[in-house]
Amino acid sequence: MSEFDIQKHMLVPKHEIMTEDEILTEFADVDYNFKNLPKIKVDDPVADSIGARPGDVLRITRESQTAGVFVTYRIVEQ
């Protein structure tokens, strides 16, 4: 049986693990600590498929008919 790649499903937005430099740049001008971002569980199927670990910050990019491209962020937790 072949393994299903969840990231290729049309309803799953693109998830990427951000580098330390990307995190520092992206959150340099905000009034909150990036560690207070909404959470995503380490065993979430997409987080698991990209090898995310607790403490990683994920960039989630969605296509939107009204907004064009919409980017959100999540921090991985146990």
N, C-alpha and C. Protein backbone atom coordinates (compact mmCIF):
# COMPACT_ATOMS: atom_id res chain seq x y z
N MET A 1 0.85 -1.17 0.00
CA MET A 1 0.00 0.00 0.00
C MET A 1 0.90 1.24 0.00
N SER A 2 0.58 2.23 -0.82
CA SER A 2 1.38 3.46 -0.87
C SER A 2 0.96 4.40 0.25
N GLU A 3 1.93 5.17 0.73
CA GLU A 3 1.66 6.11 1.81
C GLU A 3 1.10 7.40 1.21
N PHE A 4 0.06 7.93 1.81
CA PHE A 4 -0.60 9.15 1.34
C PHE A 4 0.17 10.37 1.83
N ASP A 5 0.50 11.30 0.94
CA ASP A 5 1.18 12.55 1.31
C ASP A 5 0.11 13.61 1.57
N ILE A 6 -0.13 13.89 2.84
CA ILE A 6 -1.20 14.81 3.23
C ILE A 6 -0.99 16.22 2.66
N GLN A 7 0.25 16.61 2.44
CA GLN A 7 0.51 17.96 1.93
C GLN A 7 0.11 18.13 0.47
N LYS A 8 -0.11 17.06 -0.22
CA LYS A 8 -0.53 17.17 -1.62
C LYS A 8 -2.05 17.25 -1.77
N HIS A 9 -2.78 17.12 -0.64
CA HIS A 9 -4.24 17.21 -0.70
C HIS A 9 -4.64 18.65 -0.97
N MET A 10 -5.63 18.85 -1.83
CA MET A 10 -6.03 20.19 -2.26
C MET A 10 -6.58 21.06 -1.13
N LEU A 11 -7.03 20.49 -0.05
CA LEU A 11 -7.59 21.28 1.05
C LEU A 11 -6.58 21.59 2.16
N VAL A 12 -5.36 21.08 2.02
CA VAL A 12 -4.33 21.31 3.04
C VAL A 12 -3.42 22.45 2.58
N PRO A 13 -3.38 23.55 3.36
CA PRO A 13 -2.50 24.66 2.98
C PRO A 13 -1.04 24.30 3.17
N LYS A 14 -0.17 25.07 2.55
CA LYS A 14 1.27 24.84 2.64
C LYS A 14 1.76 25.16 4.05
N HIS A 15 2.46 24.21 4.66
CA HIS A 15 3.07 24.38 5.99
C HIS A 15 4.58 24.34 5.84
N GLU A 16 5.28 25.30 6.46
CA GLU A 16 6.74 25.33 6.41
C GLU A 16 7.28 25.61 7.81
N ILE A 17 8.37 24.95 8.16
CA ILE A 17 9.07 25.25 9.41
C ILE A 17 9.95 26.47 9.14
N MET A 18 9.79 27.50 9.96
CA MET A 18 10.56 28.72 9.77
C MET A 18 11.96 28.58 10.40
N THR A 19 12.94 29.23 9.79
CA THR A 19 14.29 29.26 10.34
C THR A 19 14.33 30.30 11.46
N GLU A 20 15.36 30.25 12.27
CA GLU A 20 15.54 31.22 13.35
C GLU A 20 15.60 32.65 12.79
N ASP A 21 16.32 32.84 11.68
CA ASP A 21 16.41 34.17 11.05
C ASP A 21 15.06 34.65 10.56
N GLU A 22 14.28 33.76 9.95
CA GLU A 22 12.94 34.14 9.46
C GLU A 22 12.05 34.56 10.63
N ILE A 23 12.14 33.84 11.74
CA ILE A 23 11.33 34.18 12.92
C ILE A 23 11.71 35.56 13.44
N LEU A 24 13.00 35.81 13.58
CA LEU A 24 13.46 37.10 14.09
C LEU A 24 13.03 38.24 13.19
N THR A 25 13.13 38.05 11.88
CA THR A 25 12.73 39.08 10.92
C THR A 25 11.23 39.30 10.94
N GLU A 26 10.47 38.23 10.89
CA GLU A 26 9.01 38.32 10.80
C GLU A 26 8.37 38.95 12.03
N PHE A 27 8.92 38.65 13.20
CA PHE A 27 8.29 39.10 14.44
C PHE A 27 9.04 40.25 15.12
N ALA A 28 9.96 40.90 14.41
CA ALA A 28 10.75 41.99 14.99
C ALA A 28 9.90 43.20 15.34
N ASP A 29 8.88 43.48 14.55
CA ASP A 29 8.11 44.71 14.73
C ASP A 29 6.72 44.50 15.32
N VAL A 30 6.51 43.40 16.01
CA VAL A 30 5.20 43.16 16.60
C VAL A 30 5.27 43.37 18.11
N ASP A 31 4.12 43.64 18.72
CA ASP A 31 4.06 43.94 20.15
C ASP A 31 3.76 42.72 21.02
N TYR A 32 4.08 41.54 20.52
CA TYR A 32 3.86 40.33 21.32
C TYR A 32 5.00 39.36 21.04
N ASN A 33 5.17 38.43 21.94
CA ASN A 33 6.20 37.41 21.82
C ASN A 33 5.69 36.30 20.90
N PHE A 34 6.49 35.89 19.93
CA PHE A 34 6.05 34.85 19.00
C PHE A 34 5.71 33.55 19.73
N LYS A 35 6.19 33.38 20.94
CA LYS A 35 5.88 32.16 21.70
C LYS A 35 4.42 32.13 22.13
N ASN A 36 3.70 33.25 21.97
CA ASN A 36 2.28 33.32 22.29
C ASN A 36 1.39 33.09 21.07
N LEU A 37 1.98 32.63 19.98
CA LEU A 37 1.20 32.33 18.77
C LEU A 37 0.21 31.21 19.06
N PRO A 38 -0.83 31.09 18.23
CA PRO A 38 -1.72 29.93 18.36
C PRO A 38 -0.90 28.64 18.23
N LYS A 39 -1.38 27.60 18.87
CA LYS A 39 -0.63 26.34 18.94
C LYS A 39 -1.08 25.35 17.86
N ILE A 40 -0.15 24.44 17.53
CA ILE A 40 -0.46 23.28 16.71
C ILE A 40 0.25 22.11 17.38
N LYS A 41 -0.43 21.01 17.52
CA LYS A 41 0.14 19.85 18.21
C LYS A 41 1.22 19.19 17.36
N VAL A 42 2.26 18.70 18.02
CA VAL A 42 3.36 18.03 17.34
C VAL A 42 2.88 16.80 16.57
N ASP A 43 1.79 16.18 17.03
CA ASP A 43 1.27 15.00 16.36
C ASP A 43 0.17 15.31 15.35
N ASP A 44 -0.05 16.60 15.05
CA ASP A 44 -0.95 16.98 13.97
C ASP A 44 -0.41 16.32 12.69
N PRO A 45 -1.28 15.76 11.86
CA PRO A 45 -0.80 15.04 10.68
C PRO A 45 0.15 15.84 9.78
N VAL A 46 -0.12 17.13 9.57
CA VAL A 46 0.76 17.92 8.71
C VAL A 46 2.06 18.24 9.44
N ALA A 47 1.98 18.64 10.70
CA ALA A 47 3.20 18.92 11.47
C ALA A 47 4.09 17.69 11.51
N ASP A 48 3.48 16.54 11.72
CA ASP A 48 4.23 15.28 11.76
C ASP A 48 4.88 15.00 10.40
N SER A 49 4.15 15.26 9.32
CA SER A 49 4.66 14.93 7.99
C SER A 49 5.86 15.79 7.58
N ILE A 50 5.99 17.00 8.15
CA ILE A 50 7.13 17.86 7.81
C ILE A 50 8.25 17.78 8.85
N GLY A 51 8.05 16.96 9.88
CA GLY A 51 9.09 16.77 10.89
C GLY A 51 9.18 17.90 11.91
N ALA A 52 8.06 18.59 12.14
CA ALA A 52 8.06 19.69 13.11
C ALA A 52 8.24 19.14 14.52
N ARG A 53 8.95 19.93 15.34
CA ARG A 53 9.20 19.55 16.73
C ARG A 53 8.72 20.66 17.66
N PRO A 54 8.47 20.34 18.92
CA PRO A 54 8.02 21.37 19.86
C PRO A 54 8.96 22.57 19.85
N GLY A 55 8.35 23.77 19.80
CA GLY A 55 9.12 25.01 19.74
C GLY A 55 9.30 25.55 18.34
N ASP A 56 9.12 24.71 17.31
CA ASP A 56 9.20 25.19 15.93
C ASP A 56 8.04 26.14 15.65
N VAL A 57 8.28 27.10 14.77
CA VAL A 57 7.22 28.00 14.31
C VAL A 57 6.92 27.63 12.86
N LEU A 58 5.64 27.42 12.57
CA LEU A 58 5.21 27.06 11.22
C LEU A 58 4.58 28.26 10.54
N ARG A 59 4.92 28.45 9.28
CA ARG A 59 4.27 29.43 8.41
C ARG A 59 3.26 28.64 7.59
N ILE A 60 1.99 29.05 7.66
CA ILE A 60 0.93 28.36 6.93
C ILE A 60 0.37 29.33 5.90
N THR A 61 0.49 28.96 4.63
CA THR A 61 0.09 29.83 3.53
C THR A 61 -1.13 29.24 2.84
N ARG A 62 -2.21 30.02 2.85
CA ARG A 62 -3.47 29.59 2.24
C ARG A 62 -3.79 30.47 1.04
N GLU A 63 -4.35 29.84 0.02
CA GLU A 63 -4.89 30.59 -1.11
C GLU A 63 -6.31 31.00 -0.73
N SER A 64 -6.68 32.24 -1.04
CA SER A 64 -8.00 32.74 -0.69
C SER A 64 -8.61 33.47 -1.88
N GLN A 65 -9.88 33.20 -2.14
CA GLN A 65 -10.55 33.88 -3.25
C GLN A 65 -10.72 35.36 -2.97
N THR A 66 -10.84 35.74 -1.72
CA THR A 66 -11.05 37.15 -1.38
C THR A 66 -9.75 37.87 -1.02
N ALA A 67 -8.82 37.18 -0.35
CA ALA A 67 -7.60 37.84 0.12
C ALA A 67 -6.39 37.55 -0.77
N GLY A 68 -6.53 36.66 -1.72
CA GLY A 68 -5.39 36.26 -2.55
C GLY A 68 -4.57 35.21 -1.83
N VAL A 69 -3.59 35.65 -1.07
CA VAL A 69 -2.77 34.75 -0.26
C VAL A 69 -2.87 35.21 1.18
N PHE A 70 -3.11 34.26 2.08
CA PHE A 70 -3.26 34.56 3.51
C PHE A 70 -2.26 33.72 4.29
N VAL A 71 -1.41 34.38 5.08
CA VAL A 71 -0.36 33.69 5.83
C VAL A 71 -0.67 33.76 7.33
N THR A 72 -0.61 32.61 8.00
CA THR A 72 -0.75 32.55 9.45
C THR A 72 0.44 31.81 10.03
N TYR A 73 0.57 31.89 11.33
CA TYR A 73 1.70 31.25 12.01
C TYR A 73 1.19 30.45 13.19
N ARG A 74 1.85 29.34 13.48
CA ARG A 74 1.53 28.49 14.63
C ARG A 74 2.84 28.05 15.26
N ILE A 75 2.81 27.87 16.58
CA ILE A 75 3.96 27.31 17.28
C ILE A 75 3.64 25.88 17.67
N VAL A 76 4.59 25.00 17.48
CA VAL A 76 4.39 23.57 17.73
C VAL A 76 4.56 23.29 19.22
N GLU A 77 3.60 22.54 19.77
CA GLU A 77 3.67 22.14 21.17
C GLU A 77 3.41 20.65 21.33
N GLN A 78 3.80 20.15 22.51
CA GLN A 78 3.57 18.72 22.81
C GLN A 78 2.11 18.51 22.78
